[in-house]
């Protein structure tokens, strides 16, 4: 596995000065980002397939272990605040659990039965989407969980830096980022981790756009749970409707979210706004067009 290989190029790393180390690490990060480019066509196909399942009410599973699992978990956790994706439909399965206060013990990664059982406990089915993340593609927990999901009809996506690895061979959509040997041998939180973050960002953001969480380039599904998000929601309502801040504030207070508030400002009642969004599958554009016609 190239992610675990010891590169002779960095054999004397501990003797380099800080400037040399930083510049070398920066170059490795740039290489990691570039390594994402070849997987973009597969990523596009994965997004389209995943969007079809999520619009039918499916769930999004993130599966992983160690630093790769932590990276996947962060992506999943952020979906609710940024895009309003329901927490109940975001399932995060990490080999060592989500409690990081005692680090991330590595032994659980080798438990294939645990991966299968965790997936079974969640009732994974044909409506769901499962994305497994493993730099080496050899995490037994991750691979077994993904395999169980696929056996139950779920759409399966794998993200790894090693071609033909067990994870890549187990999924319908293998997202390969060949980042190669790490500057610090085997520390896949570096180059491989950067590639994972990039691909996960691309996947989840495009998926949320495709499922109606974004209007134009604005996060109309964001949840205004703090002052910053509250002000952002008001700005979004104003931008879409060209109303005054006081009107946007009142509509947001009545509706509880930016998407419904936009329709209130556009002349609908709250009941009408809910019905219009139900007809449009939650996508604001068609509902807004309906408001303008009435």
C-alpha atoms as a PDB file:
ATOM      1  CA  UNK A   1       0.000   0.000   0.000  1.00  0.00           C
ATOM      2  CA  UNK A   2       1.568   3.248  -1.119  1.00  0.00           C
ATOM      3  CA  UNK A   3      -0.089   5.194   1.694  1.00  0.00           C
ATOM      4  CA  UNK A   4       1.946   3.101   4.149  1.00  0.00           C
ATOM      5  CA  UNK A   5       5.234   3.083   2.198  1.00  0.00           C
ATOM      6  CA  UNK A   6       8.367   4.766   3.563  1.00  0.00           C
ATOM      7  CA  UNK A   7       9.663   7.236   0.996  1.00  0.00           C
ATOM      8  CA  UNK A   8      13.470   7.581   0.839  1.00  0.00           C
ATOM      9  CA  UNK A   9      12.910  11.156  -0.270  1.00  0.00           C
ATOM     10  CA  UNK A  10      12.007  12.118   3.301  1.00  0.00           C
ATOM     11  CA  UNK A  11      14.376   9.746   5.119  1.00  0.00           C
ATOM     12  CA  UNK A  12      16.232  12.596   6.853  1.00  0.00           C
ATOM     13  CA  UNK A  13      13.146  14.696   7.586  1.00  0.00           C
ATOM     14  CA  UNK A  14      13.984  14.991  11.277  1.00  0.00           C
ATOM     15  CA  UNK A  15      17.212  16.796  10.335  1.00  0.00           C
ATOM     16  CA  UNK A  16      15.580  19.404   8.115  1.00  0.00           C
ATOM     17  CA  UNK A  17      14.977  22.965   9.261  1.00  0.00           C
ATOM     18  CA  UNK A  18      11.391  24.156   9.842  1.00  0.00           C
ATOM     19  CA  UNK A  19      11.235  26.058   6.562  1.00  0.00           C
ATOM     20  CA  UNK A  20      12.164  22.965   4.572  1.00  0.00           C
ATOM     21  CA  UNK A  21       9.624  20.856   6.452  1.00  0.00           C
ATOM     22  CA  UNK A  22       6.807  23.367   5.995  1.00  0.00           C
ATOM     23  CA  UNK A  23       7.513  23.813   2.286  1.00  0.00           C
ATOM     24  CA  UNK A  24       7.645  20.056   1.772  1.00  0.00           C
ATOM     25  CA  UNK A  25       4.374  19.536   3.634  1.00  0.00           C
ATOM     26  CA  UNK A  26       2.761  22.327   1.630  1.00  0.00           C
ATOM     27  CA  UNK A  27       3.873  20.676  -1.614  1.00  0.00           C
ATOM     28  CA  UNK A  28       2.441  17.350  -0.445  1.00  0.00           C
ATOM     29  CA  UNK A  29      -0.887  19.031   0.316  1.00  0.00           C
ATOM     30  CA  UNK A  30      -1.000  20.582  -3.147  1.00  0.00           C
ATOM     31  CA  UNK A  31      -0.275  17.154  -4.614  1.00  0.00           C
ATOM     32  CA  UNK A  32      -3.120  15.677  -2.557  1.00  0.00           C
ATOM     33  CA  UNK A  33      -5.597  18.204  -3.934  1.00  0.00           C
ATOM     34  CA  UNK A  34      -4.442  17.478  -7.488  1.00  0.00           C
ATOM     35  CA  UNK A  35      -4.900  13.749  -6.847  1.00  0.00           C
ATOM     36  CA  UNK A  36      -8.652  14.345  -6.498  1.00  0.00           C
ATOM     37  CA  UNK A  37      -9.061  15.407 -10.132  1.00  0.00           C
ATOM     38  CA  UNK A  38      -9.193  11.935 -11.756  1.00  0.00           C
ATOM     39  CA  UNK A  39     -12.117  10.822  -9.588  1.00  0.00           C
ATOM     40  CA  UNK A  40     -14.408  13.738 -10.482  1.00  0.00           C
ATOM     41  CA  UNK A  41     -16.355  11.924 -13.251  1.00  0.00           C
ATOM     42  CA  UNK A  42     -17.137   9.067 -10.839  1.00  0.00           C
ATOM     43  CA  UNK A  43     -17.993  11.607  -8.155  1.00  0.00           C
ATOM     44  CA  UNK A  44     -20.527  13.290 -10.450  1.00  0.00           C
ATOM     45  CA  UNK A  45     -22.194   9.947 -11.169  1.00  0.00           C
ATOM     46  CA  UNK A  46     -22.232   9.118  -7.435  1.00  0.00           C
ATOM     47  CA  UNK A  47     -23.916  12.437  -6.615  1.00  0.00           C
ATOM     48  CA  UNK A  48     -26.636  11.873  -9.206  1.00  0.00           C
ATOM     49  CA  UNK A  49     -27.331   8.364  -7.925  1.00  0.00           C
ATOM     50  CA  UNK A  50     -27.294   9.521  -4.299  1.00  0.00           C
ATOM     51  CA  UNK A  51     -29.599  12.485  -4.974  1.00  0.00           C
ATOM     52  CA  UNK A  52     -32.229  10.149  -6.415  1.00  0.00           C
ATOM     53  CA  UNK A  53     -32.254   8.145  -3.176  1.00  0.00           C
ATOM     54  CA  UNK A  54     -32.242  11.123  -0.820  1.00  0.00           C
ATOM     55  CA  UNK A  55     -35.147  12.801  -2.591  1.00  0.00           C
ATOM     56  CA  UNK A  56     -37.140   9.661  -1.837  1.00  0.00           C
ATOM     57  CA  UNK A  57     -36.383  10.043   1.870  1.00  0.00           C
ATOM     58  CA  UNK A  58     -33.253   7.915   2.092  1.00  0.00           C
ATOM     59  CA  UNK A  59     -30.541   8.332   4.692  1.00  0.00           C
ATOM     60  CA  UNK A  60     -26.885   9.180   4.277  1.00  0.00           C
ATOM     61  CA  UNK A  61     -24.438   6.872   6.084  1.00  0.00           C
ATOM     62  CA  UNK A  62     -20.835   7.858   6.803  1.00  0.00           C
ATOM     63  CA  UNK A  63     -18.620   4.916   7.758  1.00  0.00           C
ATOM     64  CA  UNK A  64     -14.982   4.939   8.805  1.00  0.00           C
ATOM     65  CA  UNK A  65     -12.282   4.388  11.403  1.00  0.00           C
ATOM     66  CA  UNK A  66      -9.433   6.479  12.783  1.00  0.00           C
ATOM     67  CA  UNK A  67      -8.657   9.854  11.219  1.00  0.00           C
ATOM     68  CA  UNK A  68     -10.529   8.933   8.024  1.00  0.00           C
ATOM     69  CA  UNK A  69     -13.624   8.229  10.083  1.00  0.00           C
ATOM     70  CA  UNK A  70     -13.236  11.516  11.951  1.00  0.00           C
ATOM     71  CA  UNK A  71     -13.036  13.354   8.629  1.00  0.00           C
ATOM     72  CA  UNK A  72     -16.194  11.611   7.429  1.00  0.00           C
ATOM     73  CA  UNK A  73     -17.975  12.372  10.698  1.00  0.00           C
ATOM     74  CA  UNK A  74     -17.207  16.083  10.444  1.00  0.00           C
ATOM     75  CA  UNK A  75     -18.692  16.207   6.961  1.00  0.00           C
ATOM     76  CA  UNK A  76     -21.859  14.487   8.140  1.00  0.00           C
ATOM     77  CA  UNK A  77     -22.254  16.581  11.281  1.00  0.00           C
ATOM     78  CA  UNK A  78     -22.020  19.818   9.315  1.00  0.00           C
ATOM     79  CA  UNK A  79     -24.915  18.965   7.006  1.00  0.00           C
ATOM     80  CA  UNK A  80     -27.635  19.917   9.470  1.00  0.00           C
ATOM     81  CA  UNK A  81     -26.335  23.386  10.351  1.00  0.00           C
ATOM     82  CA  UNK A  82     -25.297  24.341   6.832  1.00  0.00           C
ATOM     83  CA  UNK A  83     -27.967  22.692   4.717  1.00  0.00           C
ATOM     84  CA  UNK A  84     -30.740  21.758   7.130  1.00  0.00           C
ATOM     85  CA  UNK A  85     -30.349  18.074   6.338  1.00  0.00           C
ATOM     86  CA  UNK A  86     -32.149  16.159   9.112  1.00  0.00           C
ATOM     87  CA  UNK A  87     -29.908  14.715  11.806  1.00  0.00           C
ATOM     88  CA  UNK A  88     -32.151  11.638  11.872  1.00  0.00           C
ATOM     89  CA  UNK A  89     -31.188  10.942   8.260  1.00  0.00           C
ATOM     90  CA  UNK A  90     -27.447  11.354   8.839  1.00  0.00           C
ATOM     91  CA  UNK A  91     -26.000   8.139  10.266  1.00  0.00           C
ATOM     92  CA  UNK A  92     -22.373   8.176  11.368  1.00  0.00           C
ATOM     93  CA  UNK A  93     -20.768   4.807  12.059  1.00  0.00           C
ATOM     94  CA  UNK A  94     -17.234   5.026  13.414  1.00  0.00           C
ATOM     95  CA  UNK A  95     -15.317   1.975  14.570  1.00  0.00           C
ATOM     96  CA  UNK A  96     -14.477   3.573  17.914  1.00  0.00           C
ATOM     97  CA  UNK A  97     -17.640   5.653  18.265  1.00  0.00           C
ATOM     98  CA  UNK A  98     -18.114   9.414  18.209  1.00  0.00           C
ATOM     99  CA  UNK A  99     -16.607  10.154  21.612  1.00  0.00           C
ATOM    100  CA  UNK A 100     -13.131  11.512  20.825  1.00  0.00           C
ATOM    101  CA  UNK A 101     -12.311  12.585  24.384  1.00  0.00           C
ATOM    102  CA  UNK A 102     -10.054   9.544  24.813  1.00  0.00           C
ATOM    103  CA  UNK A 103      -8.626   9.620  21.327  1.00  0.00           C
ATOM    104  CA  UNK A 104      -9.488   7.086  18.633  1.00  0.00           C
ATOM    105  CA  UNK A 105      -8.465   3.564  19.688  1.00  0.00           C
ATOM    106  CA  UNK A 106      -7.317   1.616  16.657  1.00  0.00           C
ATOM    107  CA  UNK A 107      -8.269  -1.931  17.586  1.00  0.00           C
ATOM    108  CA  UNK A 108     -11.935  -1.571  16.645  1.00  0.00           C
ATOM    109  CA  UNK A 109     -10.908  -1.020  13.021  1.00  0.00           C
ATOM    110  CA  UNK A 110     -10.175  -4.742  12.658  1.00  0.00           C
ATOM    111  CA  UNK A 111     -13.606  -5.935  13.821  1.00  0.00           C
ATOM    112  CA  UNK A 112     -15.532  -7.020  10.714  1.00  0.00           C
ATOM    113  CA  UNK A 113     -18.458  -8.341  12.713  1.00  0.00           C
ATOM    114  CA  UNK A 114     -18.900  -4.976  14.433  1.00  0.00           C
ATOM    115  CA  UNK A 115     -19.173  -3.235  11.065  1.00  0.00           C
ATOM    116  CA  UNK A 116     -21.861  -5.618   9.863  1.00  0.00           C
ATOM    117  CA  UNK A 117     -23.809  -5.493  13.114  1.00  0.00           C
ATOM    118  CA  UNK A 118     -23.755  -1.696  13.286  1.00  0.00           C
ATOM    119  CA  UNK A 119     -25.186  -1.526   9.788  1.00  0.00           C
ATOM    120  CA  UNK A 120     -27.837  -4.132  10.638  1.00  0.00           C
ATOM    121  CA  UNK A 121     -28.827  -2.259  13.788  1.00  0.00           C
ATOM    122  CA  UNK A 122     -29.526   0.840  11.698  1.00  0.00           C
ATOM    123  CA  UNK A 123     -31.830  -1.061   9.355  1.00  0.00           C
ATOM    124  CA  UNK A 124     -29.932   0.006   6.255  1.00  0.00           C
ATOM    125  CA  UNK A 125     -32.052  -0.521   3.121  1.00  0.00           C
ATOM    126  CA  UNK A 126     -32.393   0.204  -0.588  1.00  0.00           C
ATOM    127  CA  UNK A 127     -33.336   3.859  -0.029  1.00  0.00           C
ATOM    128  CA  UNK A 128     -30.064   4.657   1.719  1.00  0.00           C
ATOM    129  CA  UNK A 129     -26.648   5.894   0.614  1.00  0.00           C
ATOM    130  CA  UNK A 130     -23.483   4.588   2.285  1.00  0.00           C
ATOM    131  CA  UNK A 131     -20.098   6.258   1.905  1.00  0.00           C
ATOM    132  CA  UNK A 132     -17.100   4.455   3.380  1.00  0.00           C
ATOM    133  CA  UNK A 133     -13.820   6.307   3.926  1.00  0.00           C
ATOM    134  CA  UNK A 134     -10.451   4.581   4.417  1.00  0.00           C
ATOM    135  CA  UNK A 135      -7.080   5.884   3.226  1.00  0.00           C
ATOM    136  CA  UNK A 136      -5.704   2.380   2.717  1.00  0.00           C
ATOM    137  CA  UNK A 137      -9.053   0.934   1.701  1.00  0.00           C
ATOM    138  CA  UNK A 138      -8.217  -1.931   4.034  1.00  0.00           C
ATOM    139  CA  UNK A 139     -10.217  -0.999   7.144  1.00  0.00           C
ATOM    140  CA  UNK A 140     -12.069  -4.215   7.960  1.00  0.00           C
ATOM    141  CA  UNK A 141     -14.758  -2.400   9.961  1.00  0.00           C
ATOM    142  CA  UNK A 142     -15.440   0.042   7.142  1.00  0.00           C
ATOM    143  CA  UNK A 143     -15.383  -2.505   4.348  1.00  0.00           C
ATOM    144  CA  UNK A 144     -17.645  -4.987   6.133  1.00  0.00           C
ATOM    145  CA  UNK A 145     -20.169  -2.277   6.986  1.00  0.00           C
ATOM    146  CA  UNK A 146     -20.240  -1.063   3.380  1.00  0.00           C
ATOM    147  CA  UNK A 147     -20.590  -4.625   2.090  1.00  0.00           C
ATOM    148  CA  UNK A 148     -23.536  -5.206   4.418  1.00  0.00           C
ATOM    149  CA  UNK A 149     -25.150  -2.005   3.194  1.00  0.00           C
ATOM    150  CA  UNK A 150     -24.741  -3.026  -0.425  1.00  0.00           C
ATOM    151  CA  UNK A 151     -26.163  -6.485   0.285  1.00  0.00           C
ATOM    152  CA  UNK A 152     -29.262  -4.753   1.633  1.00  0.00           C
ATOM    153  CA  UNK A 153     -29.673  -2.653  -1.506  1.00  0.00           C
ATOM    154  CA  UNK A 154     -28.080   0.604  -0.388  1.00  0.00           C
ATOM    155  CA  UNK A 155     -26.092   2.721  -2.822  1.00  0.00           C
ATOM    156  CA  UNK A 156     -22.410   2.364  -1.883  1.00  0.00           C
ATOM    157  CA  UNK A 157     -19.554   4.824  -2.374  1.00  0.00           C
ATOM    158  CA  UNK A 158     -15.942   4.315  -1.312  1.00  0.00           C
ATOM    159  CA  UNK A 159     -13.199   6.897  -0.804  1.00  0.00           C
ATOM    160  CA  UNK A 160      -9.626   5.604  -0.667  1.00  0.00           C
ATOM    161  CA  UNK A 161      -6.089   6.377  -1.823  1.00  0.00           C
ATOM    162  CA  UNK A 162      -5.287   2.788  -2.821  1.00  0.00           C
ATOM    163  CA  UNK A 163      -6.580   1.273  -6.057  1.00  0.00           C
ATOM    164  CA  UNK A 164      -7.998  -2.270  -5.998  1.00  0.00           C
ATOM    165  CA  UNK A 165      -8.188  -2.204  -2.199  1.00  0.00           C
ATOM    166  CA  UNK A 166     -10.959  -4.180  -0.459  1.00  0.00           C
ATOM    167  CA  UNK A 167     -13.088  -1.058   0.004  1.00  0.00           C
ATOM    168  CA  UNK A 168     -12.714   0.031  -3.620  1.00  0.00           C
ATOM    169  CA  UNK A 169     -13.704  -3.458  -4.797  1.00  0.00           C
ATOM    170  CA  UNK A 170     -16.787  -3.497  -2.553  1.00  0.00           C
ATOM    171  CA  UNK A 171     -18.579  -0.377  -3.760  1.00  0.00           C
ATOM    172  CA  UNK A 172     -20.505   0.746  -6.816  1.00  0.00           C
ATOM    173  CA  UNK A 173     -18.743   4.104  -6.963  1.00  0.00           C
ATOM    174  CA  UNK A 174     -15.025   3.956  -6.043  1.00  0.00           C
ATOM    175  CA  UNK A 175     -13.550   7.434  -5.526  1.00  0.00           C
ATOM    176  CA  UNK A 176      -9.808   6.967  -5.853  1.00  0.00           C
ATOM    177  CA  UNK A 177      -7.342   9.676  -4.791  1.00  0.00           C
ATOM    178  CA  UNK A 178      -3.833   8.285  -5.288  1.00  0.00           C
ATOM    179  CA  UNK A 179      -1.907  10.517  -2.907  1.00  0.00           C
ATOM    180  CA  UNK A 180       0.998   8.072  -2.549  1.00  0.00           C
ATOM    181  CA  UNK A 181       3.593   7.953   0.234  1.00  0.00           C
ATOM    182  CA  UNK A 182       3.194  10.408   3.080  1.00  0.00           C
ATOM    183  CA  UNK A 183       5.942  12.819   4.140  1.00  0.00           C
ATOM    184  CA  UNK A 184       5.694  11.260   7.599  1.00  0.00           C
ATOM    185  CA  UNK A 185       5.498   7.583   6.672  1.00  0.00           C
ATOM    186  CA  UNK A 186       2.044   6.102   7.208  1.00  0.00           C
ATOM    187  CA  UNK A 187       0.495   9.283   8.626  1.00  0.00           C
ATOM    188  CA  UNK A 188      -2.541   9.337   6.375  1.00  0.00           C
ATOM    189  CA  UNK A 189      -4.038  12.295   8.210  1.00  0.00           C
ATOM    190  CA  UNK A 190      -1.708  14.328   5.962  1.00  0.00           C
ATOM    191  CA  UNK A 191      -1.956  13.948   2.168  1.00  0.00           C
ATOM    192  CA  UNK A 192      -4.652  11.269   2.153  1.00  0.00           C
ATOM    193  CA  UNK A 193      -6.605  13.198   4.777  1.00  0.00           C
ATOM    194  CA  UNK A 194      -6.527  16.366   2.707  1.00  0.00           C
ATOM    195  CA  UNK A 195      -7.809  14.479  -0.338  1.00  0.00           C
ATOM    196  CA  UNK A 196     -10.576  12.945   1.793  1.00  0.00           C
ATOM    197  CA  UNK A 197     -11.665  16.379   3.002  1.00  0.00           C
ATOM    198  CA  UNK A 198     -11.709  17.776  -0.531  1.00  0.00           C
ATOM    199  CA  UNK A 199     -13.735  14.893  -1.986  1.00  0.00           C
ATOM    200  CA  UNK A 200     -16.177  14.826   0.919  1.00  0.00           C
ATOM    201  CA  UNK A 201     -16.721  18.578   0.543  1.00  0.00           C
ATOM    202  CA  UNK A 202     -17.370  18.181  -3.169  1.00  0.00           C
ATOM    203  CA  UNK A 203     -19.686  15.217  -2.681  1.00  0.00           C
ATOM    204  CA  UNK A 204     -21.864  16.538   0.126  1.00  0.00           C
ATOM    205  CA  UNK A 205     -22.083  20.116  -1.134  1.00  0.00           C
ATOM    206  CA  UNK A 206     -23.056  19.078  -4.664  1.00  0.00           C
ATOM    207  CA  UNK A 207     -25.517  16.579  -3.222  1.00  0.00           C
ATOM    208  CA  UNK A 208     -27.165  19.239  -1.072  1.00  0.00           C
ATOM    209  CA  UNK A 209     -27.406  21.616  -4.048  1.00  0.00           C
ATOM    210  CA  UNK A 210     -29.008  18.876  -6.139  1.00  0.00           C
ATOM    211  CA  UNK A 211     -31.575  18.092  -3.437  1.00  0.00           C
ATOM    212  CA  UNK A 212     -32.796  21.681  -3.002  1.00  0.00           C
ATOM    213  CA  UNK A 213     -30.862  22.919   0.016  1.00  0.00           C
ATOM    214  CA  UNK A 214     -29.406  25.782  -2.030  1.00  0.00           C
ATOM    215  CA  UNK A 215     -31.246  28.448  -4.047  1.00  0.00           C
ATOM    216  CA  UNK A 216     -28.942  30.278  -6.416  1.00  0.00           C
ATOM    217  CA  UNK A 217     -25.831  30.018  -4.285  1.00  0.00           C
ATOM    218  CA  UNK A 218     -27.568  30.692  -0.976  1.00  0.00           C
ATOM    219  CA  UNK A 219     -28.099  28.257   1.898  1.00  0.00           C
ATOM    220  CA  UNK A 220     -31.876  28.541   2.114  1.00  0.00           C
ATOM    221  CA  UNK A 221     -32.137  25.478   4.352  1.00  0.00           C
ATOM    222  CA  UNK A 222     -29.787  26.775   7.050  1.00  0.00           C
ATOM    223  CA  UNK A 223     -31.103  26.646  10.585  1.00  0.00           C
ATOM    224  CA  UNK A 224     -31.023  30.076  12.298  1.00  0.00           C
ATOM    225  CA  UNK A 225     -30.021  28.734  15.710  1.00  0.00           C
ATOM    226  CA  UNK A 226     -27.567  31.492  16.660  1.00  0.00           C
ATOM    227  CA  UNK A 227     -27.234  35.199  15.960  1.00  0.00           C
ATOM    228  CA  UNK A 228     -24.853  34.764  13.013  1.00  0.00           C
ATOM    229  CA  UNK A 229     -27.158  32.285  11.298  1.00  0.00           C
ATOM    230  CA  UNK A 230     -30.206  34.410  12.133  1.00  0.00           C
ATOM    231  CA  UNK A 231     -28.648  37.428  10.434  1.00  0.00           C
ATOM    232  CA  UNK A 232     -27.555  35.303   7.489  1.00  0.00           C
ATOM    233  CA  UNK A 233     -31.123  34.027   7.065  1.00  0.00           C
ATOM    234  CA  UNK A 234     -32.467  37.581   7.052  1.00  0.00           C
ATOM    235  CA  UNK A 235     -29.875  38.579   4.446  1.00  0.00           C
ATOM    236  CA  UNK A 236     -30.871  35.601   2.274  1.00  0.00           C
ATOM    237  CA  UNK A 237     -34.556  36.503   2.470  1.00  0.00           C
ATOM    238  CA  UNK A 238     -33.761  40.083   1.526  1.00  0.00           C
ATOM    239  CA  UNK A 239     -31.519  39.030  -1.340  1.00  0.00           C
ATOM    240  CA  UNK A 240     -34.161  36.779  -2.884  1.00  0.00           C
ATOM    241  CA  UNK A 241     -37.196  39.029  -2.342  1.00  0.00           C
ATOM    242  CA  UNK A 242     -35.651  42.520  -2.238  1.00  0.00           C
ATOM    243  CA  UNK A 243     -37.648  43.266   0.908  1.00  0.00           C
ATOM    244  CA  UNK A 244     -36.706  45.399   3.898  1.00  0.00           C
ATOM    245  CA  UNK A 245     -34.920  43.867   6.883  1.00  0.00           C
ATOM    246  CA  UNK A 246     -37.954  44.399   9.124  1.00  0.00           C
ATOM    247  CA  UNK A 247     -40.178  42.485   6.703  1.00  0.00           C
ATOM    248  CA  UNK A 248     -37.639  39.672   6.444  1.00  0.00           C
ATOM    249  CA  UNK A 249     -37.375  39.547  10.230  1.00  0.00           C
ATOM    250  CA  UNK A 250     -41.137  39.290  10.647  1.00  0.00           C
ATOM    251  CA  UNK A 251     -41.450  36.592   8.003  1.00  0.00           C
ATOM    252  CA  UNK A 252     -38.620  34.582   9.548  1.00  0.00           C
ATOM    253  CA  UNK A 253     -40.236  34.849  12.985  1.00  0.00           C
ATOM    254  CA  UNK A 254     -43.506  33.494  11.601  1.00  0.00           C
ATOM    255  CA  UNK A 255     -42.053  30.810   9.342  1.00  0.00           C
ATOM    256  CA  UNK A 256     -39.097  29.645  11.407  1.00  0.00           C
ATOM    257  CA  UNK A 257     -36.812  29.201   8.391  1.00  0.00           C
ATOM    258  CA  UNK A 258     -35.595  31.184   5.397  1.00  0.00           C
ATOM    259  CA  UNK A 259     -37.235  29.075   2.686  1.00  0.00           C
ATOM    260  CA  UNK A 260     -40.780  29.441   4.000  1.00  0.00           C
ATOM    261  CA  UNK A 261     -40.119  33.065   4.932  1.00  0.00           C
ATOM    262  CA  UNK A 262     -39.233  33.878   1.312  1.00  0.00           C
ATOM    263  CA  UNK A 263     -42.619  32.554   0.225  1.00  0.00           C
ATOM    264  CA  UNK A 264     -44.400  34.554   2.927  1.00  0.00           C
ATOM    265  CA  UNK A 265     -42.764  37.753   1.729  1.00  0.00           C
ATOM    266  CA  UNK A 266     -43.744  36.754  -1.809  1.00  0.00           C
ATOM    267  CA  UNK A 267     -47.449  36.751  -0.880  1.00  0.00           C
ATOM    268  CA  UNK A 268     -48.206  33.237   0.313  1.00  0.00           C
ATOM    269  CA  UNK A 269     -49.671  32.257   3.659  1.00  0.00           C
ATOM    270  CA  UNK A 270     -47.658  29.838   5.751  1.00  0.00           C
ATOM    271  CA  UNK A 271     -50.077  27.046   4.839  1.00  0.00           C
ATOM    272  CA  UNK A 272     -49.733  27.864   1.141  1.00  0.00           C
ATOM    273  CA  UNK A 273     -45.947  27.990   1.455  1.00  0.00           C
ATOM    274  CA  UNK A 274     -45.848  24.564   3.056  1.00  0.00           C
ATOM    275  CA  UNK A 275     -48.089  23.121   0.364  1.00  0.00           C
ATOM    276  CA  UNK A 276     -46.059  24.701  -2.451  1.00  0.00           C
ATOM    277  CA  UNK A 277     -42.796  23.327  -1.074  1.00  0.00           C
ATOM    278  CA  UNK A 278     -44.395  19.914  -0.662  1.00  0.00           C
ATOM    279  CA  UNK A 279     -45.361  19.977  -4.333  1.00  0.00           C
ATOM    280  CA  UNK A 280     -41.865  21.036  -5.396  1.00  0.00           C
ATOM    281  CA  UNK A 281     -40.111  18.425  -3.291  1.00  0.00           C
ATOM    282  CA  UNK A 282     -38.670  21.123  -1.057  1.00  0.00           C
ATOM    283  CA  UNK A 283     -37.030  23.038  -3.916  1.00  0.00           C
ATOM    284  CA  UNK A 284     -37.587  26.780  -3.536  1.00  0.00           C
ATOM    285  CA  UNK A 285     -37.390  27.787  -7.207  1.00  0.00           C
ATOM    286  CA  UNK A 286     -40.645  26.153  -8.411  1.00  0.00           C
ATOM    287  CA  UNK A 287     -42.473  27.160  -5.228  1.00  0.00           C
ATOM    288  CA  UNK A 288     -41.330  30.755  -5.662  1.00  0.00           C
ATOM    289  CA  UNK A 289     -42.464  30.725  -9.292  1.00  0.00           C
ATOM    290  CA  UNK A 290     -45.871  29.507  -8.088  1.00  0.00           C
ATOM    291  CA  UNK A 291     -46.028  32.370  -5.586  1.00  0.00           C
ATOM    292  CA  UNK A 292     -45.278  34.882  -8.329  1.00  0.00           C
ATOM    293  CA  UNK A 293     -48.036  33.438 -10.549  1.00  0.00           C
ATOM    294  CA  UNK A 294     -50.715  33.665  -7.878  1.00  0.00           C
END
